[in-house]
PDB file of N, CA and C in Angstrom:
ATOM      1  N   MET A   1      13.896  -9.201  -2.734  1.00  0.00           N
ATOM      2  CA  MET A   1      13.804  -8.429  -1.510  1.00  0.00           C
ATOM      3  C   MET A   1      13.518  -6.987  -1.846  1.00  0.00           C
ATOM      4  N   GLY A   2      12.516  -6.423  -1.167  1.00  0.00           N
ATOM      5  CA  GLY A   2      12.100  -5.067  -1.448  1.00  0.00           C
ATOM      6  C   GLY A   2      13.062  -4.024  -0.907  1.00  0.00           C
ATOM      7  N   PHE A   3      13.032  -2.852  -1.514  1.00  0.00           N
ATOM      8  CA  PHE A   3      13.872  -1.758  -1.082  1.00  0.00           C
ATOM      9  C   PHE A   3      13.127  -0.429  -1.047  1.00  0.00           C
ATOM     10  N   ARG A   4      11.845  -0.414  -1.430  1.00  0.00           N
ATOM     11  CA  ARG A   4      11.075   0.821  -1.484  1.00  0.00           C
ATOM     12  C   ARG A   4      10.061   0.889  -0.348  1.00  0.00           C
ATOM     13  N   THR A   5       9.868   2.102   0.164  1.00  0.00           N
ATOM     14  CA  THR A   5       8.764   2.383   1.075  1.00  0.00           C
ATOM     15  C   THR A   5       7.826   3.320   0.338  1.00  0.00           C
ATOM     16  N   LEU A   6       6.566   2.936   0.245  1.00  0.00           N
ATOM     17  CA  LEU A   6       5.571   3.710  -0.488  1.00  0.00           C
ATOM     18  C   LEU A   6       4.646   4.379   0.503  1.00  0.00           C
ATOM     19  N   GLU A   7       4.446   5.694   0.372  1.00  0.00           N
ATOM     20  CA  GLU A   7       3.492   6.414   1.212  1.00  0.00           C
ATOM     21  C   GLU A   7       2.314   6.846   0.352  1.00  0.00           C
ATOM     22  N   ILE A   8       1.119   6.494   0.803  1.00  0.00           N
ATOM     23  CA  ILE A   8      -0.104   6.882   0.100  1.00  0.00           C
ATOM     24  C   ILE A   8      -0.879   7.796   1.039  1.00  0.00           C
ATOM     25  N   SER A   9      -1.089   9.048   0.614  1.00  0.00           N
ATOM     26  CA  SER A   9      -1.739  10.013   1.491  1.00  0.00           C
ATOM     27  C   SER A   9      -2.891  10.749   0.813  1.00  0.00           C
ATOM     28  N   GLN A  10      -3.268  10.327  -0.378  1.00  0.00           N
ATOM     29  CA  GLN A  10      -4.410  10.928  -1.071  1.00  0.00           C
ATOM     30  C   GLN A  10      -5.462   9.856  -1.312  1.00  0.00           C
ATOM     31  N   ALA A  11      -6.684  10.301  -1.538  1.00  0.00           N
ATOM     32  CA  ALA A  11      -7.767   9.364  -1.839  1.00  0.00           C
ATOM     33  C   ALA A  11      -7.388   8.547  -3.064  1.00  0.00           C
ATOM     34  N   SER A  12      -7.359   7.222  -2.903  1.00  0.00           N
ATOM     35  CA  SER A  12      -6.970   6.351  -4.010  1.00  0.00           C
ATOM     36  C   SER A  12      -7.491   4.941  -3.819  1.00  0.00           C
ATOM     37  N   GLU A  13      -7.428   4.188  -4.890  1.00  0.00           N
ATOM     38  CA  GLU A  13      -7.777   2.767  -4.870  1.00  0.00           C
ATOM     39  C   GLU A  13      -6.516   1.976  -5.170  1.00  0.00           C
ATOM     40  N   ILE A  14      -6.328   0.881  -4.428  1.00  0.00           N
ATOM     41  CA  ILE A  14      -5.146   0.050  -4.589  1.00  0.00           C
ATOM     42  C   ILE A  14      -5.581  -1.331  -5.060  1.00  0.00           C
ATOM     43  N   HIS A  15      -4.981  -1.789  -6.145  1.00  0.00           N
ATOM     44  CA  HIS A  15      -5.265  -3.106  -6.699  1.00  0.00           C
ATOM     45  C   HIS A  15      -3.948  -3.780  -7.043  1.00  0.00           C
ATOM     46  N   ILE A  16      -3.994  -5.100  -7.163  1.00  0.00           N
ATOM     47  CA  ILE A  16      -2.827  -5.843  -7.615  1.00  0.00           C
ATOM     48  C   ILE A  16      -3.198  -6.533  -8.920  1.00  0.00           C
ATOM     49  N   LYS A  17      -2.411  -6.235  -9.957  1.00  0.00           N
ATOM     50  CA  LYS A  17      -2.636  -6.826 -11.277  1.00  0.00           C
ATOM     51  C   LYS A  17      -1.298  -7.254 -11.851  1.00  0.00           C
ATOM     52  N   ASN A  18      -1.222  -8.499 -12.264  1.00  0.00           N
ATOM     53  CA  ASN A  18      -0.025  -9.039 -12.924  1.00  0.00           C
ATOM     54  C   ASN A  18       1.250  -8.818 -12.111  1.00  0.00           C
ATOM     55  N   GLY A  19       1.181  -9.013 -10.799  1.00  0.00           N
ATOM     56  CA  GLY A  19       2.356  -8.884  -9.957  1.00  0.00           C
ATOM     57  C   GLY A  19       2.792  -7.457  -9.694  1.00  0.00           C
ATOM     58  N   GLN A  20       1.919  -6.506  -9.991  1.00  0.00           N
ATOM     59  CA  GLN A  20       2.242  -5.105  -9.759  1.00  0.00           C
ATOM     60  C   GLN A  20       1.160  -4.446  -8.927  1.00  0.00           C
ATOM     61  N   LEU A  21       1.572  -3.510  -8.102  1.00  0.00           N
ATOM     62  CA  LEU A  21       0.644  -2.724  -7.305  1.00  0.00           C
ATOM     63  C   LEU A  21       0.163  -1.563  -8.168  1.00  0.00           C
ATOM     64  N   GLU A  22      -1.139  -1.448  -8.321  1.00  0.00           N
ATOM     65  CA  GLU A  22      -1.726  -0.380  -9.125  1.00  0.00           C
ATOM     66  C   GLU A  22      -2.414   0.595  -8.184  1.00  0.00           C
ATOM     67  N   VAL A  23      -1.922   1.813  -8.139  1.00  0.00           N
ATOM     68  CA  VAL A  23      -2.494   2.853  -7.286  1.00  0.00           C
ATOM     69  C   VAL A  23      -3.160   3.875  -8.195  1.00  0.00           C
ATOM     70  N   THR A  24      -4.486   4.007  -8.064  1.00  0.00           N
ATOM     71  CA  THR A  24      -5.253   4.922  -8.910  1.00  0.00           C
ATOM     72  C   THR A  24      -5.821   6.044  -8.063  1.00  0.00           C
ATOM     73  N   SER A  25      -5.516   7.280  -8.445  1.00  0.00           N
ATOM     74  CA  SER A  25      -6.072   8.460  -7.789  1.00  0.00           C
ATOM     75  C   SER A  25      -6.567   9.410  -8.872  1.00  0.00           C
ATOM     76  N   LYS A  26      -7.033  10.575  -8.470  1.00  0.00           N
ATOM     77  CA  LYS A  26      -7.545  11.503  -9.471  1.00  0.00           C
ATOM     78  C   LYS A  26      -6.429  12.058 -10.361  1.00  0.00           C
ATOM     79  N   GLU A  27      -5.167  11.942  -9.931  1.00  0.00           N
ATOM     80  CA  GLU A  27      -4.042  12.384 -10.756  1.00  0.00           C
ATOM     81  C   GLU A  27      -3.649  11.364 -11.815  1.00  0.00           C
ATOM     82  N   GLY A  28      -4.072  10.103 -11.638  1.00  0.00           N
ATOM     83  CA  GLY A  28      -3.734   9.079 -12.607  1.00  0.00           C
ATOM     84  C   GLY A  28      -3.436   7.751 -11.932  1.00  0.00           C
ATOM     85  N   THR A  29      -2.812   6.859 -12.695  1.00  0.00           N
ATOM     86  CA  THR A  29      -2.508   5.512 -12.222  1.00  0.00           C
ATOM     87  C   THR A  29      -1.002   5.290 -12.235  1.00  0.00           C
ATOM     88  N   VAL A  30      -0.517   4.658 -11.163  1.00  0.00           N
ATOM     89  CA  VAL A  30       0.906   4.330 -11.041  1.00  0.00           C
ATOM     90  C   VAL A  30       1.023   2.826 -10.825  1.00  0.00           C
ATOM     91  N   LEU A  31       1.945   2.182 -11.527  1.00  0.00           N
ATOM     92  CA  LEU A  31       2.214   0.760 -11.362  1.00  0.00           C
ATOM     93  C   LEU A  31       3.588   0.582 -10.721  1.00  0.00           C
ATOM     94  N   ILE A  32       3.644  -0.226  -9.659  1.00  0.00           N
ATOM     95  CA  ILE A  32       4.889  -0.483  -8.950  1.00  0.00           C
ATOM     96  C   ILE A  32       5.032  -1.990  -8.792  1.00  0.00           C
ATOM     97  N   PRO A  33       6.165  -2.573  -9.204  1.00  0.00           N
ATOM     98  CA  PRO A  33       6.361  -4.015  -9.008  1.00  0.00           C
ATOM     99  C   PRO A  33       6.354  -4.364  -7.522  1.00  0.00           C
ATOM    100  N   ILE A  34       5.618  -5.398  -7.147  1.00  0.00           N
ATOM    101  CA  ILE A  34       5.505  -5.788  -5.739  1.00  0.00           C
ATOM    102  C   ILE A  34       6.863  -6.191  -5.175  1.00  0.00           C
ATOM    103  N   GLU A  35       7.708  -6.824  -5.990  1.00  0.00           N
ATOM    104  CA  GLU A  35       8.998  -7.274  -5.475  1.00  0.00           C
ATOM    105  C   GLU A  35       9.921  -6.112  -5.112  1.00  0.00           C
ATOM    106  N   ASP A  36       9.613  -4.894  -5.564  1.00  0.00           N
ATOM    107  CA  ASP A  36      10.402  -3.713  -5.192  1.00  0.00           C
ATOM    108  C   ASP A  36       9.984  -3.139  -3.839  1.00  0.00           C
ATOM    109  N   LEU A  37       8.806  -3.534  -3.335  1.00  0.00           N
ATOM    110  CA  LEU A  37       8.263  -2.921  -2.126  1.00  0.00           C
ATOM    111  C   LEU A  37       8.715  -3.635  -0.858  1.00  0.00           C
ATOM    112  N   ASN A  38       8.988  -2.832   0.160  1.00  0.00           N
ATOM    113  CA  ASN A  38       9.312  -3.322   1.484  1.00  0.00           C
ATOM    114  C   ASN A  38       8.193  -2.974   2.466  1.00  0.00           C
ATOM    115  N   GLN A  39       7.646  -1.761   2.331  1.00  0.00           N
ATOM    116  CA  GLN A  39       6.608  -1.285   3.242  1.00  0.00           C
ATOM    117  C   GLN A  39       5.701  -0.297   2.517  1.00  0.00           C
ATOM    118  N   ILE A  40       4.421  -0.289   2.922  1.00  0.00           N
ATOM    119  CA  ILE A  40       3.461   0.705   2.444  1.00  0.00           C
ATOM    120  C   ILE A  40       2.928   1.430   3.667  1.00  0.00           C
ATOM    121  N   THR A  41       2.989   2.751   3.628  1.00  0.00           N
ATOM    122  CA  THR A  41       2.454   3.585   4.699  1.00  0.00           C
ATOM    123  C   THR A  41       1.225   4.295   4.159  1.00  0.00           C
ATOM    124  N   VAL A  42       0.103   4.154   4.868  1.00  0.00           N
ATOM    125  CA  VAL A  42      -1.162   4.734   4.423  1.00  0.00           C
ATOM    126  C   VAL A  42      -1.568   5.818   5.419  1.00  0.00           C
ATOM    127  N   HIS A  43      -1.737   7.042   4.917  1.00  0.00           N
ATOM    128  CA  HIS A  43      -2.099   8.173   5.753  1.00  0.00           C
ATOM    129  C   HIS A  43      -3.131   9.002   5.011  1.00  0.00           C
ATOM    130  N   GLY A  44      -4.337   9.031   5.509  1.00  0.00           N
ATOM    131  CA  GLY A  44      -5.387   9.799   4.861  1.00  0.00           C
ATOM    132  C   GLY A  44      -6.679   9.019   4.798  1.00  0.00           C
ATOM    133  N   SER A  45      -7.707   9.710   4.394  1.00  0.00           N
ATOM    134  CA  SER A  45      -9.017   9.068   4.321  1.00  0.00           C
ATOM    135  C   SER A  45      -9.320   8.658   2.881  1.00  0.00           C
ATOM    136  N   ASN A  46     -10.282   7.778   2.760  1.00  0.00           N
ATOM    137  CA  ASN A  46     -10.792   7.337   1.462  1.00  0.00           C
ATOM    138  C   ASN A  46      -9.740   6.615   0.623  1.00  0.00           C
ATOM    139  N   ILE A  47      -8.956   5.767   1.272  1.00  0.00           N
ATOM    140  CA  ILE A  47      -7.997   4.916   0.584  1.00  0.00           C
ATOM    141  C   ILE A  47      -8.540   3.495   0.661  1.00  0.00           C
ATOM    142  N   ARG A  48      -8.730   2.858  -0.485  1.00  0.00           N
ATOM    143  CA  ARG A  48      -9.361   1.536  -0.518  1.00  0.00           C
ATOM    144  C   ARG A  48      -8.368   0.456  -0.920  1.00  0.00           C
ATOM    145  N   LEU A  49      -8.407  -0.640  -0.140  1.00  0.00           N
ATOM    146  CA  LEU A  49      -7.550  -1.798  -0.365  1.00  0.00           C
ATOM    147  C   LEU A  49      -8.333  -3.032   0.040  1.00  0.00           C
ATOM    148  N   SER A  50      -8.405  -4.037  -0.835  1.00  0.00           N
ATOM    149  CA  SER A  50      -9.172  -5.235  -0.506  1.00  0.00           C
ATOM    150  C   SER A  50      -8.356  -6.177   0.372  1.00  0.00           C
ATOM    151  N   THR A  51      -9.043  -7.083   1.042  1.00  0.00           N
ATOM    152  CA  THR A  51      -8.354  -8.058   1.885  1.00  0.00           C
ATOM    153  C   THR A  51      -7.535  -9.027   1.049  1.00  0.00           C
ATOM    154  N   MET A  52      -7.977  -9.334  -0.152  1.00  0.00           N
ATOM    155  CA  MET A  52      -7.204 -10.214  -1.033  1.00  0.00           C
ATOM    156  C   MET A  52      -5.894  -9.534  -1.448  1.00  0.00           C
ATOM    157  N   ASP A  53      -5.955  -8.232  -1.750  1.00  0.00           N
ATOM    158  CA  ASP A  53      -4.738  -7.498  -2.080  1.00  0.00           C
ATOM    159  C   ASP A  53      -3.797  -7.447  -0.879  1.00  0.00           C
ATOM    160  N   LEU A  54      -4.351  -7.256   0.302  1.00  0.00           N
ATOM    161  CA  LEU A  54      -3.547  -7.247   1.524  1.00  0.00           C
ATOM    162  C   LEU A  54      -2.879  -8.602   1.731  1.00  0.00           C
ATOM    163  N   SER A  55      -3.595  -9.673   1.476  1.00  0.00           N
ATOM    164  CA  SER A  55      -3.052 -11.022   1.600  1.00  0.00           C
ATOM    165  C   SER A  55      -1.901 -11.248   0.619  1.00  0.00           C
ATOM    166  N   ILE A  56      -2.044 -10.780  -0.604  1.00  0.00           N
ATOM    167  CA  ILE A  56      -0.981 -10.925  -1.603  1.00  0.00           C
ATOM    168  C   ILE A  56       0.254 -10.126  -1.196  1.00  0.00           C
ATOM    169  N   LEU A  57       0.048  -8.931  -0.651  1.00  0.00           N
ATOM    170  CA  LEU A  57       1.179  -8.124  -0.190  1.00  0.00           C
ATOM    171  C   LEU A  57       1.936  -8.842   0.928  1.00  0.00           C
ATOM    172  N   VAL A  58       1.217  -9.397   1.885  1.00  0.00           N
ATOM    173  CA  VAL A  58       1.853 -10.093   3.001  1.00  0.00           C
ATOM    174  C   VAL A  58       2.596 -11.334   2.509  1.00  0.00           C
ATOM    175  N   GLN A  59       2.032 -12.052   1.559  1.00  0.00           N
ATOM    176  CA  GLN A  59       2.711 -13.222   0.995  1.00  0.00           C
ATOM    177  C   GLN A  59       4.024 -12.843   0.323  1.00  0.00           C
ATOM    178  N   ASN A  60       4.109 -11.595  -0.155  1.00  0.00           N
ATOM    179  CA  ASN A  60       5.322 -11.093  -0.800  1.00  0.00           C
ATOM    180  C   ASN A  60       6.203 -10.297   0.162  1.00  0.00           C
ATOM    181  N   LYS A  61       5.952 -10.453   1.469  1.00  0.00           N
ATOM    182  CA  LYS A  61       6.751  -9.844   2.530  1.00  0.00           C
ATOM    183  C   LYS A  61       6.748  -8.311   2.501  1.00  0.00           C
ATOM    184  N   VAL A  62       5.572  -7.739   2.202  1.00  0.00           N
ATOM    185  CA  VAL A  62       5.390  -6.288   2.231  1.00  0.00           C
ATOM    186  C   VAL A  62       4.536  -5.967   3.445  1.00  0.00           C
ATOM    187  N   SER A  63       5.034  -5.110   4.337  1.00  0.00           N
ATOM    188  CA  SER A  63       4.256  -4.710   5.506  1.00  0.00           C
ATOM    189  C   SER A  63       3.440  -3.465   5.177  1.00  0.00           C
ATOM    190  N   LEU A  64       2.361  -3.253   5.944  1.00  0.00           N
ATOM    191  CA  LEU A  64       1.479  -2.113   5.738  1.00  0.00           C
ATOM    192  C   LEU A  64       1.244  -1.429   7.081  1.00  0.00           C
ATOM    193  N   MET A  65       1.393  -0.107   7.107  1.00  0.00           N
ATOM    194  CA  MET A  65       1.189   0.666   8.328  1.00  0.00           C
ATOM    195  C   MET A  65       0.178   1.770   8.054  1.00  0.00           C
ATOM    196  N   THR A  66      -0.835   1.881   8.932  1.00  0.00           N
ATOM    197  CA  THR A  66      -1.793   2.977   8.814  1.00  0.00           C
ATOM    198  C   THR A  66      -1.466   4.023   9.875  1.00  0.00           C
ATOM    199  N   LEU A  67      -1.628   5.284   9.511  1.00  0.00           N
ATOM    200  CA  LEU A  67      -1.295   6.396  10.398  1.00  0.00           C
ATOM    201  C   LEU A  67      -2.524   7.253  10.652  1.00  0.00           C
ATOM    202  N   ASP A  68      -2.579   7.895  11.829  1.00  0.00           N
ATOM    203  CA  ASP A  68      -3.701   8.770  12.142  1.00  0.00           C
ATOM    204  C   ASP A  68      -3.391  10.213  11.744  1.00  0.00           C
ATOM    205  N   GLN A  69      -4.245  11.154  12.192  1.00  0.00           N
ATOM    206  CA  GLN A  69      -4.101  12.564  11.832  1.00  0.00           C
ATOM    207  C   GLN A  69      -2.815  13.179  12.380  1.00  0.00           C
ATOM    208  N   LYS A  70      -2.299  12.622  13.477  1.00  0.00           N
ATOM    209  CA  LYS A  70      -1.053  13.125  14.075  1.00  0.00           C
ATOM    210  C   LYS A  70       0.175  12.402  13.537  1.00  0.00           C
ATOM    211  N   TYR A  71      -0.041  11.579  12.516  1.00  0.00           N
ATOM    212  CA  TYR A  71       1.015  10.815  11.861  1.00  0.00           C
ATOM    213  C   TYR A  71       1.615   9.748  12.777  1.00  0.00           C
ATOM    214  N   LEU A  72       0.781   9.227  13.684  1.00  0.00           N
ATOM    215  CA  LEU A  72       1.187   8.153  14.575  1.00  0.00           C
ATOM    216  C   LEU A  72       0.599   6.834  14.071  1.00  0.00           C
ATOM    217  N   PRO A  73       1.329   5.725  14.210  1.00  0.00           N
ATOM    218  CA  PRO A  73       0.821   4.445  13.732  1.00  0.00           C
ATOM    219  C   PRO A  73      -0.425   4.006  14.499  1.00  0.00           C
ATOM    220  N   THR A  74      -1.429   3.545  13.761  1.00  0.00           N
ATOM    221  CA  THR A  74      -2.633   3.001  14.377  1.00  0.00           C
ATOM    222  C   THR A  74      -2.754   1.500  14.156  1.00  0.00           C
ATOM    223  N   ALA A  75      -2.156   0.999  13.087  1.00  0.00           N
ATOM    224  CA  ALA A  75      -2.152  -0.446  12.822  1.00  0.00           C
ATOM    225  C   ALA A  75      -0.951  -0.784  11.973  1.00  0.00           C
ATOM    226  N   ILE A  76      -0.393  -1.968  12.224  1.00  0.00           N
ATOM    227  CA  ILE A  76       0.734  -2.463  11.442  1.00  0.00           C
ATOM    228  C   ILE A  76       0.433  -3.908  11.064  1.00  0.00           C
ATOM    229  N   VAL A  77       0.500  -4.201   9.782  1.00  0.00           N
ATOM    230  CA  VAL A  77       0.303  -5.570   9.289  1.00  0.00           C
ATOM    231  C   VAL A  77       1.668  -6.068   8.845  1.00  0.00           C
ATOM    232  N   LEU A  78       2.138  -7.113   9.518  1.00  0.00           N
ATOM    233  CA  LEU A  78       3.460  -7.656   9.210  1.00  0.00           C
ATOM    234  C   LEU A  78       3.343  -9.024   8.551  1.00  0.00           C
ATOM    235  N   PRO A  79       4.248  -9.334   7.636  1.00  0.00           N
ATOM    236  CA  PRO A  79       4.241 -10.668   7.021  1.00  0.00           C
ATOM    237  C   PRO A  79       4.684 -11.733   8.023  1.00  0.00           C
TER     238      PRO A  79
END
């Protein structure tokens, strides 16, 4: 069961490799175990996530929320 909420607000690419979420931005790469995640909040432009990665997140009971410029939810993907 996850306990972390991850907020991504800079231009980055999100991939899943070996059961871990890999977030790559111009500052570097961060690996986070999927089983630690409860929710991902995405705020900003130029953030890339594939549908297969989204499917894997949902299978692992991780929800995803996108926010607009006013920090209001525009979409919520629930497992």
